Structure formats: C-alpha cells, structure tokens
Amino acid sequence: MIPREMIAMMERRRLVAEVRTATAVQALGVVDALAAAGIAAMEISLTIPGAQEILTHLSTRRDVLVGAGAVLDARQASQAVSCGARFVASPIMVPELVAAAAEARVACILGALTPTEIIAAQRAGAEMVKVFPAEALGGPMYIRALLRQLTHVSLQVSGGFSAESMGQYLALPIRTLALGSLLVPQTLIENGNWQAITTRAKAFVDYTANPHDNAARFLAMMGIAPRPQPAAVVPGRENIPTERLVPNEAPGDFHPWDSRPVEFGDDEDWLR
C-alpha cells in the first residue's frame, strides 16, 4: 500500500483514533474495541511504554491501519516503521520525517498550527497536516478561517475539541478528525470496559458517516441537550435573512463554512 492509499483509507471514515494509554495491554484492548466499532485508523502514541512492541504486534492486522503518533524526529520515525507502522504522525513540524517516511513508503502527517507552518508542512511533502491544538486557538472558527484562505491544504484536526463542536468540524472540508479522550475516556480504559468503548466508538462512526440523521442520538449519548428550536416566523417577515452571506457570491456557490448566524458571540467580535 502506497502513502496515498493509506491516506485514502483514513479519509473514508474521517476518524483517526489517537491511542494513548498507561500500558501496552490497555492499548491492545483499546485497539480491539475500536476496530470492532469500525474505526479503521489507529495512531499508537510513542509515549506508551512498549510502543514499539505494540506496533510490532499490530503490524500483521489487515482490518486496521496502524501508525505511530507523537513522533518527534527521524530516528523515532525509522524505528516505528521498522516495527510495522504504516504511517507516522507528529504534533510538530519536523520536515525530516518526510524523507524517513518516503524511504519506507509510508504516509507522513506533520503537525502545524499557524498558516505559515501549515503551508511549510505541506510543501515539505506531508500527505496530511495535523492542525494541533486546534481547539485552543479557536476551534471550528479558526479552521474555517484557515480554509477560506488556504483552499488547497489537506488537514487533519486534533486537540481537545468537544462532542458539540464535532458537527461544525465535519461540515468543513477537512480530511480527518483525530480523536483521543473524547473517543475513549480514561475511565473506560482504567476499568477495562471494552464493550462500552466499542458502543461509544460505534456512535462516533455512525455520526461521522451521517451527521444530519444521527446528530440527535449521538448528542443524547454524549449527555448533551439539544439546542432550542428557532422561534416561529412572524407573518410578514418571512424574507428577512437569518445568515450573513459572503458578498459577491451566488447562493449556489456557498459552502457550509461560508455562512454564520447574524448575531455574533462575545468571543467573535473580531469578525465584525
């Protein structure tokens, strides 16, 4: 499998599980539970004790694409690939990882945050750029602003987002979402509740595949109350627009990330 095919496999489900556990046994249990739910891409963090042994153990599996995460230099990348990693991912922009991955014919995901870093990572040859930590710098609003300017970039979003913001991310033209504790809470790992992890992960898979139809069930499972319904239209005011439209564009050219509610929140004053 060539790097492009590996990235395409991730994109089909749009979900990448960032597996970070305290022990190797826990990591293997999490991978089995997630695979049973239909998660096809697993990023095994090199911070896990025995991470190389985990990669070796999982390298023969054909139902999942297993790679190494938290890769910080070319040496770590080469070691991970020698243990069977089929992609390497870093939270930072380390151009030398690209050469190490290319030599081994595996995919490379470089971390970046600013527009300059994102373009530099893609120009360095990364098949995908991990925007990390996305939520800390503005979440979906930040990613939407990036994509208005950088329309050709291949992005993965990672870093502390909530279940409520997932729908906003899924409406954007990003390639994948990388999920850690949101997908697999630490308490479920510590209790070894693998069936609960599978059930939870299956809800994520279903929601990602069809956010519109599965939103209510997904949010209910996450303990999030539905948003209030819009007020009834007042007769005679049906034609008042409820969204701010992008100037000089025809309605047929709009994308989900181009429209916003008229009223801005306190944290969005810079958009006025």
Protein backbone atom coordinates (compact mmCIF):
# COMPACT_ATOMS: atom_id res chain seq x y z
CA MET A 1 0.00 0.00 0.00
CA ILE A 2 1.45 3.37 -1.03
CA PRO A 3 1.15 6.51 1.15
CA ARG A 4 -1.69 7.95 -0.95
CA GLU A 5 -3.73 4.79 -0.44
CA MET A 6 -3.08 4.92 3.30
CA ILE A 7 -4.41 8.48 3.49
CA ALA A 8 -7.43 7.49 1.37
CA MET A 9 -8.19 4.71 3.86
CA MET A 10 -8.22 7.26 6.69
CA GLU A 11 -10.42 9.63 4.71
CA ARG A 12 -13.11 7.05 4.04
CA ARG A 13 -14.16 7.07 7.70
CA ARG A 14 -12.72 10.53 8.52
CA LEU A 15 -11.82 9.30 12.02
CA VAL A 16 -8.36 8.53 13.36
CA ALA A 17 -8.09 7.18 16.90
CA GLU A 18 -5.20 8.63 18.89
CA VAL A 19 -4.42 5.78 21.29
CA ARG A 20 -2.66 6.96 24.46
CA THR A 21 -2.74 4.60 27.41
CA ALA A 22 -0.67 3.88 30.51
CA THR A 23 0.22 0.32 29.49
CA ALA A 24 0.66 -1.81 26.38
CA VAL A 25 -2.09 -4.19 27.49
CA GLN A 26 -4.55 -1.30 27.69
CA ALA A 27 -3.51 -0.10 24.23
CA LEU A 28 -4.17 -3.50 22.68
CA GLY A 29 -7.55 -3.67 24.38
CA VAL A 30 -8.48 -0.22 23.07
CA VAL A 31 -7.44 -1.12 19.52
CA ASP A 32 -9.54 -4.30 19.58
CA ALA A 33 -12.55 -2.41 20.95
CA LEU A 34 -12.28 0.39 18.40
CA ALA A 35 -11.77 -1.99 15.49
CA ALA A 36 -14.96 -3.80 16.50
CA ALA A 37 -16.79 -0.47 16.12
CA GLY A 38 -15.43 0.15 12.64
CA ILE A 39 -12.57 2.55 13.41
CA ALA A 40 -10.06 1.80 10.67
CA ALA A 41 -7.09 4.06 11.52
CA MET A 42 -5.17 3.87 14.81
CA GLU A 43 -2.37 6.18 15.87
CA ILE A 44 -0.32 4.50 18.61
CA SER A 45 1.44 7.15 20.67
CA LEU A 46 5.15 6.56 21.21
CA THR A 47 4.62 7.83 24.77
CA ILE A 48 3.07 4.47 25.68
CA PRO A 49 5.55 2.14 27.42
CA GLY A 50 6.40 -0.62 24.95
CA ALA A 51 5.03 1.32 21.98
CA GLN A 52 7.41 -0.41 19.55
CA GLU A 53 6.25 -3.83 20.74
CA ILE A 54 2.63 -2.72 20.31
CA LEU A 55 3.31 -1.67 16.72
CA THR A 56 5.03 -4.98 16.01
CA HIS A 57 2.12 -6.93 17.47
CA LEU A 58 -0.43 -4.97 15.42
CA SER A 59 1.56 -4.89 12.18
CA THR A 60 0.03 -8.12 10.87
CA ARG A 61 -3.56 -6.91 11.20
CA ARG A 62 -5.33 -6.15 7.95
CA ASP A 63 -8.58 -4.75 9.35
CA VAL A 64 -6.95 -1.55 10.63
CA LEU A 65 -4.28 0.89 9.52
CA VAL A 66 -1.85 1.26 12.41
CA GLY A 67 0.69 4.07 12.66
CA ALA A 68 2.89 5.81 15.17
CA GLY A 69 1.95 9.07 16.87
CA ALA A 70 3.92 11.65 18.89
CA VAL A 71 6.89 11.13 16.56
CA LEU A 72 9.39 13.92 17.15
CA ASP A 73 12.41 13.07 14.98
CA ALA A 74 13.59 10.95 12.07
CA ARG A 75 15.16 8.32 14.36
CA GLN A 76 11.83 7.66 16.06
CA ALA A 77 10.12 7.54 12.67
CA SER A 78 12.57 4.95 11.33
CA GLN A 79 12.23 2.81 14.44
CA ALA A 80 8.44 2.95 14.28
CA VAL A 81 8.42 1.98 10.60
CA SER A 82 10.78 -0.92 11.30
CA CYS A 83 8.21 -2.15 13.84
CA GLY A 84 5.43 -2.08 11.26
CA ALA A 85 3.97 1.44 11.47
CA ARG A 86 2.21 2.27 8.21
CA PHE A 87 2.15 5.99 8.87
CA VAL A 88 4.00 8.38 11.17
CA ALA A 89 2.35 11.41 12.76
CA SER A 90 3.86 14.28 14.69
CA PRO A 91 2.27 17.10 16.69
CA ILE A 92 5.02 19.42 15.41
CA MET A 93 6.50 20.49 12.08
CA VAL A 94 9.55 18.24 11.57
CA PRO A 95 10.40 18.22 7.84
CA GLU A 96 12.97 15.42 8.19
CA LEU A 97 10.15 12.98 8.97
CA VAL A 98 9.02 13.24 5.36
CA ALA A 99 12.23 11.75 3.99
CA ALA A 100 12.20 8.92 6.53
CA ALA A 101 8.58 8.09 5.71
CA ALA A 102 9.11 8.35 1.95
CA GLU A 103 12.07 5.99 2.07
CA ALA A 104 9.91 3.41 3.86
CA ARG A 105 6.89 4.11 1.61
CA VAL A 106 4.61 5.06 4.50
CA ALA A 107 2.44 8.15 4.94
CA CYS A 108 3.64 11.18 6.89
CA ILE A 109 1.44 13.56 8.90
CA LEU A 110 3.19 16.67 10.17
CA GLY A 111 1.86 18.92 12.92
CA ALA A 112 1.29 22.63 12.43
CA LEU A 113 -0.85 25.43 13.79
CA THR A 114 -0.27 28.73 12.02
CA PRO A 115 -0.93 29.31 8.31
CA THR A 116 2.82 29.59 7.70
CA GLU A 117 3.51 26.27 9.44
CA ILE A 118 0.67 24.54 7.59
CA ILE A 119 1.94 25.61 4.18
CA ALA A 120 5.52 24.72 5.16
CA ALA A 121 4.44 21.25 6.26
CA GLN A 122 2.56 20.58 3.05
CA ARG A 123 5.41 21.93 0.90
CA ALA A 124 7.81 19.68 2.81
CA GLY A 125 5.87 16.73 1.44
CA ALA A 126 3.48 15.72 4.21
CA GLU A 127 0.46 13.80 2.91
CA MET A 128 -1.65 15.43 5.62
CA VAL A 129 -1.13 18.29 8.08
CA LYS A 130 -2.30 17.82 11.67
CA VAL A 131 -3.64 21.14 13.00
CA PHE A 132 -2.81 20.86 16.70
CA PRO A 133 -4.06 22.02 19.15
CA ALA A 134 -6.96 23.30 17.04
CA GLU A 135 -9.48 23.92 19.81
CA ALA A 136 -7.11 26.05 21.89
CA LEU A 137 -6.72 28.56 19.08
CA GLY A 138 -10.38 28.95 18.17
CA GLY A 139 -11.75 25.56 17.13
CA PRO A 140 -14.04 25.38 14.08
CA MET A 141 -13.99 29.15 13.68
CA TYR A 142 -10.20 29.08 13.32
CA ILE A 143 -10.23 26.14 10.89
CA ARG A 144 -12.95 27.81 8.83
CA ALA A 145 -10.87 31.00 8.64
CA LEU A 146 -7.83 28.98 7.52
CA LEU A 147 -9.73 27.18 4.79
CA ARG A 148 -11.10 30.40 3.36
CA GLN A 149 -7.52 31.40 2.56
CA LEU A 150 -5.76 28.03 2.20
CA THR A 151 -8.25 26.24 -0.02
CA HIS A 152 -5.89 23.50 -1.21
CA VAL A 153 -4.49 22.17 2.05
CA SER A 154 -5.01 18.63 3.34
CA LEU A 155 -5.89 18.97 7.03
CA GLN A 156 -6.40 16.71 10.00
CA VAL A 157 -7.84 18.39 13.10
CA SER A 158 -6.65 17.35 16.55
CA GLY A 159 -6.53 18.71 20.04
CA GLY A 160 -9.15 18.78 22.77
CA PHE A 161 -12.38 19.50 20.94
CA SER A 162 -15.80 18.59 22.30
CA ALA A 163 -18.63 16.45 21.00
CA GLU A 164 -20.66 19.63 20.44
CA SER A 165 -18.08 21.04 18.04
CA MET A 166 -17.68 17.81 16.05
CA GLY A 167 -20.59 18.66 13.78
CA GLN A 168 -19.01 22.01 12.95
CA TYR A 169 -15.72 20.33 12.06
CA LEU A 170 -17.48 17.71 9.93
CA ALA A 171 -19.14 20.49 7.93
CA LEU A 172 -15.69 21.74 6.91
CA PRO A 173 -13.58 20.27 4.09
CA ILE A 174 -11.04 18.69 6.40
CA ARG A 175 -9.70 15.21 5.67
CA THR A 176 -9.83 13.58 9.10
CA LEU A 177 -10.58 14.16 12.77
CA ALA A 178 -8.06 12.73 15.23
CA LEU A 179 -9.81 11.78 18.48
CA GLY A 180 -8.26 10.87 21.81
CA SER A 181 -10.01 11.02 25.17
CA LEU A 182 -13.26 12.22 23.61
CA LEU A 183 -13.49 8.93 21.76
CA VAL A 184 -12.07 6.77 24.55
CA PRO A 185 -12.47 8.26 28.06
CA GLN A 186 -9.75 7.34 30.51
CA THR A 187 -12.22 5.84 32.99
CA LEU A 188 -13.34 3.24 30.46
CA ILE A 189 -9.73 2.27 29.83
CA GLU A 190 -8.89 2.01 33.52
CA ASN A 191 -11.95 -0.19 34.11
CA GLY A 192 -11.21 -2.36 31.08
CA ASN A 193 -14.73 -1.74 29.81
CA TRP A 194 -14.02 -2.68 26.20
CA GLN A 195 -17.66 -3.22 25.24
CA ALA A 196 -18.54 0.30 26.39
CA ILE A 197 -15.67 1.64 24.28
CA THR A 198 -16.98 -0.25 21.25
CA THR A 199 -20.52 1.05 21.78
CA ARG A 200 -19.30 4.60 22.19
CA ALA A 201 -17.00 4.39 19.17
CA LYS A 202 -19.79 2.98 17.01
CA ALA A 203 -21.83 6.10 17.77
CA PHE A 204 -18.90 8.23 16.57
CA VAL A 205 -18.62 6.18 13.37
CA ASP A 206 -22.35 6.49 12.65
CA TYR A 207 -22.41 10.20 13.42
CA THR A 208 -19.41 10.92 11.22
CA ALA A 209 -20.91 8.94 8.35
CA ASN A 210 -24.22 10.83 8.55
CA PRO A 211 -24.12 13.83 10.91
CA HIS A 212 -27.56 15.12 9.94
CA ASP A 213 -29.54 11.95 10.63
CA ASN A 214 -27.55 10.77 13.65
CA ALA A 215 -26.94 14.06 15.46
CA ALA A 216 -29.77 13.77 18.00
CA ARG A 217 -28.90 10.21 19.01
CA PHE A 218 -25.19 10.99 19.18
CA LEU A 219 -25.58 14.10 21.32
CA ALA A 220 -28.04 12.31 23.61
CA MET A 221 -25.50 9.52 24.13
CA MET A 222 -22.89 12.17 24.97
CA GLY A 223 -25.27 13.74 27.51
CA ILE A 224 -25.72 16.95 25.53
CA ALA A 225 -29.16 18.54 25.45
CA PRO A 226 -30.49 19.51 22.00
CA ARG A 227 -30.30 23.17 21.09
CA PRO A 228 -33.55 25.17 21.33
CA GLN A 229 -35.57 25.26 18.13
CA PRO A 230 -35.72 28.59 16.24
CA ALA A 231 -38.67 30.82 17.05
CA ALA A 232 -41.66 30.69 14.73
CA VAL A 233 -41.58 33.03 11.75
CA VAL A 234 -43.62 36.19 12.29
CA PRO A 235 -46.12 36.72 9.43
CA GLY A 236 -44.88 39.38 7.05
CA ARG A 237 -41.22 38.87 8.00
CA GLU A 238 -40.53 35.63 6.17
CA ASN A 239 -37.96 37.18 3.84
CA ILE A 240 -35.62 38.57 6.49
CA PRO A 241 -32.31 36.67 6.08
CA THR A 242 -31.05 34.67 9.05
CA GLU A 243 -27.49 34.17 7.78
CA ARG A 244 -24.71 36.52 6.80
CA LEU A 245 -23.85 35.67 3.20
CA VAL A 246 -20.48 36.05 1.58
CA PRO A 247 -20.50 39.15 -0.67
CA ASN A 248 -20.34 38.80 -4.46
CA GLU A 249 -21.21 35.12 -4.48
CA ALA A 250 -24.29 33.43 -5.86
CA PRO A 251 -26.27 31.20 -3.48
CA GLY A 252 -25.23 28.14 -5.44
CA ASP A 253 -21.59 28.83 -4.62
CA PHE A 254 -21.99 28.78 -0.85
CA HIS A 255 -20.23 26.20 1.27
CA PRO A 256 -21.15 25.22 4.85
CA TRP A 257 -18.18 27.14 6.25
CA ASP A 258 -19.14 30.37 4.42
CA SER A 259 -22.29 31.21 6.40
CA ARG A 260 -22.73 32.27 10.02
CA PRO A 261 -25.61 33.47 12.22
CA VAL A 262 -26.24 37.20 12.17
CA GLU A 263 -25.64 37.65 15.88
CA PHE A 264 -22.02 37.15 16.92
CA GLY A 265 -20.97 35.87 20.31
CA ASP A 266 -18.76 37.80 22.70
CA ASP A 267 -15.75 35.80 21.54
CA GLU A 268 -16.29 36.67 17.88
CA ASP A 269 -16.01 40.45 17.94
CA TRP A 270 -13.01 40.30 15.61
CA LEU A 271 -15.30 39.05 12.83
CA ARG A 272 -17.48 42.16 12.85
